[in-house]
Amino acid sequence: MKEYLPVISLVVGGWAVLNGILHDIFVLASEHGKKYDRDLLRLLMDDHILITCGVMQMISYSGLESNETWTIYVSGTACVSLLVYCGMIFPFSNLSLS
């Protein structure tokens, strides 16, 4: 598993950055992008959290290849922060567990 970890980190990071940029584009092109308000700021923060955590994952790639321990912490922190953020916004989604 250790030999695949750098590639997994690079793929996850690239996926998050790409999704963050695409979300930025579509939010700004939609009705939300016409007026600067709280909703637009919240939607743009979603994008920037994705982009920041994706960049953290991609930075970890070279360090994970050379078995530097600090990169495991950086990559893990990015993963945990995305999971915490998803947990924070889940109650406001239209999904329900029951």
Protein backbone atom coordinates (compact mmCIF):
# COMPACT_ATOMS: atom_id res chain seq x y z
CA MET A 1 0.00 0.00 0.00
CA LYS A 2 2.87 2.38 0.75
CA GLU A 3 4.04 2.34 -2.86
CA TYR A 4 0.60 3.51 -4.05
CA LEU A 5 0.14 6.24 -1.43
CA PRO A 6 1.94 9.01 -3.40
CA VAL A 7 -0.13 8.30 -6.50
CA ILE A 8 -3.35 8.21 -4.48
CA SER A 9 -2.41 11.55 -2.89
CA LEU A 10 -1.70 13.09 -6.29
CA VAL A 11 -4.98 11.82 -7.80
CA VAL A 12 -7.07 12.92 -4.81
CA GLY A 13 -5.36 16.33 -4.77
CA GLY A 14 -5.84 16.85 -8.49
CA TRP A 15 -9.47 15.79 -8.25
CA ALA A 16 -10.14 18.24 -5.40
CA VAL A 17 -8.39 21.14 -7.18
CA LEU A 18 -10.25 20.46 -10.43
CA ASN A 19 -13.61 20.22 -8.63
CA GLY A 20 -12.90 23.43 -6.71
CA ILE A 21 -12.04 25.36 -9.88
CA LEU A 22 -15.06 24.00 -11.76
CA HIS A 23 -17.33 24.84 -8.83
CA ASP A 24 -15.90 28.39 -8.80
CA ILE A 25 -16.64 28.79 -12.51
CA PHE A 26 -20.19 27.46 -12.30
CA VAL A 27 -21.04 29.47 -9.16
CA LEU A 28 -19.78 32.71 -10.70
CA ALA A 29 -21.65 31.98 -13.95
CA SER A 30 -24.92 31.25 -12.14
CA GLU A 31 -27.38 33.63 -10.51
CA HIS A 32 -25.33 33.49 -7.29
CA GLY A 33 -22.40 35.17 -9.06
CA LYS A 34 -24.42 38.26 -10.03
CA LYS A 35 -24.55 39.75 -6.54
CA TYR A 36 -21.93 39.73 -3.79
CA ASP A 37 -23.70 38.49 -0.68
CA ARG A 38 -23.45 35.90 2.07
CA ASP A 39 -24.55 33.01 -0.17
CA LEU A 40 -21.92 33.79 -2.81
CA LEU A 41 -19.22 34.05 -0.16
CA ARG A 42 -20.25 30.70 1.37
CA LEU A 43 -20.21 29.00 -2.03
CA LEU A 44 -16.80 30.46 -2.86
CA MET A 45 -15.44 29.30 0.51
CA ASP A 46 -16.54 25.76 -0.39
CA ASP A 47 -14.40 26.02 -3.52
CA HIS A 48 -11.39 27.43 -1.76
CA ILE A 49 -11.46 24.73 0.91
CA LEU A 50 -11.44 22.13 -1.88
CA ILE A 51 -8.61 23.89 -3.70
CA THR A 52 -6.50 24.37 -0.56
CA CYS A 53 -6.85 20.76 0.57
CA GLY A 54 -6.16 19.56 -2.97
CA VAL A 55 -2.97 21.59 -3.15
CA MET A 56 -1.93 20.18 0.23
CA GLN A 57 -2.42 16.66 -1.15
CA MET A 58 -0.45 17.45 -4.30
CA ILE A 59 2.42 18.99 -2.31
CA SER A 60 2.59 15.76 -0.31
CA TYR A 61 3.28 13.70 -3.44
CA SER A 62 7.04 14.20 -3.66
CA GLY A 63 7.55 13.77 0.06
CA LEU A 64 5.49 10.60 0.14
CA GLU A 65 7.66 9.17 -2.65
CA SER A 66 10.78 9.74 -0.58
CA ASN A 67 9.15 8.50 2.68
CA GLU A 68 9.29 11.82 4.52
CA THR A 69 7.03 11.60 7.56
CA TRP A 70 5.88 15.24 7.52
CA THR A 71 4.01 14.62 4.27
CA ILE A 72 1.88 11.92 5.86
CA TYR A 73 0.75 14.50 8.41
CA VAL A 74 0.05 17.12 5.72
CA SER A 75 -1.92 14.66 3.61
CA GLY A 76 -3.78 13.33 6.65
CA THR A 77 -4.63 16.84 7.83
CA ALA A 78 -6.09 17.68 4.41
CA CYS A 79 -8.21 14.52 4.46
CA VAL A 80 -9.45 15.06 8.00
CA SER A 81 -10.27 18.72 7.39
CA LEU A 82 -12.36 17.82 4.33
CA LEU A 83 -14.21 15.14 6.30
CA VAL A 84 -14.88 17.59 9.16
CA TYR A 85 -16.13 20.22 6.72
CA CYS A 86 -18.44 17.67 5.07
CA GLY A 87 -19.76 16.75 8.51
CA MET A 88 -20.39 20.41 9.29
CA ILE A 89 -22.37 21.11 6.10
CA PHE A 90 -24.25 17.77 6.00
CA PRO A 91 -27.12 18.95 8.27
CA PHE A 92 -27.85 21.73 5.78
CA SER A 93 -28.02 19.42 2.78
CA ASN A 94 -31.23 17.94 1.39
CA LEU A 95 -30.07 14.45 2.29
CA SER A 96 -31.40 12.67 5.30
CA LEU A 97 -30.24 9.57 7.17
CA SER A 98 -33.77 8.45 8.00
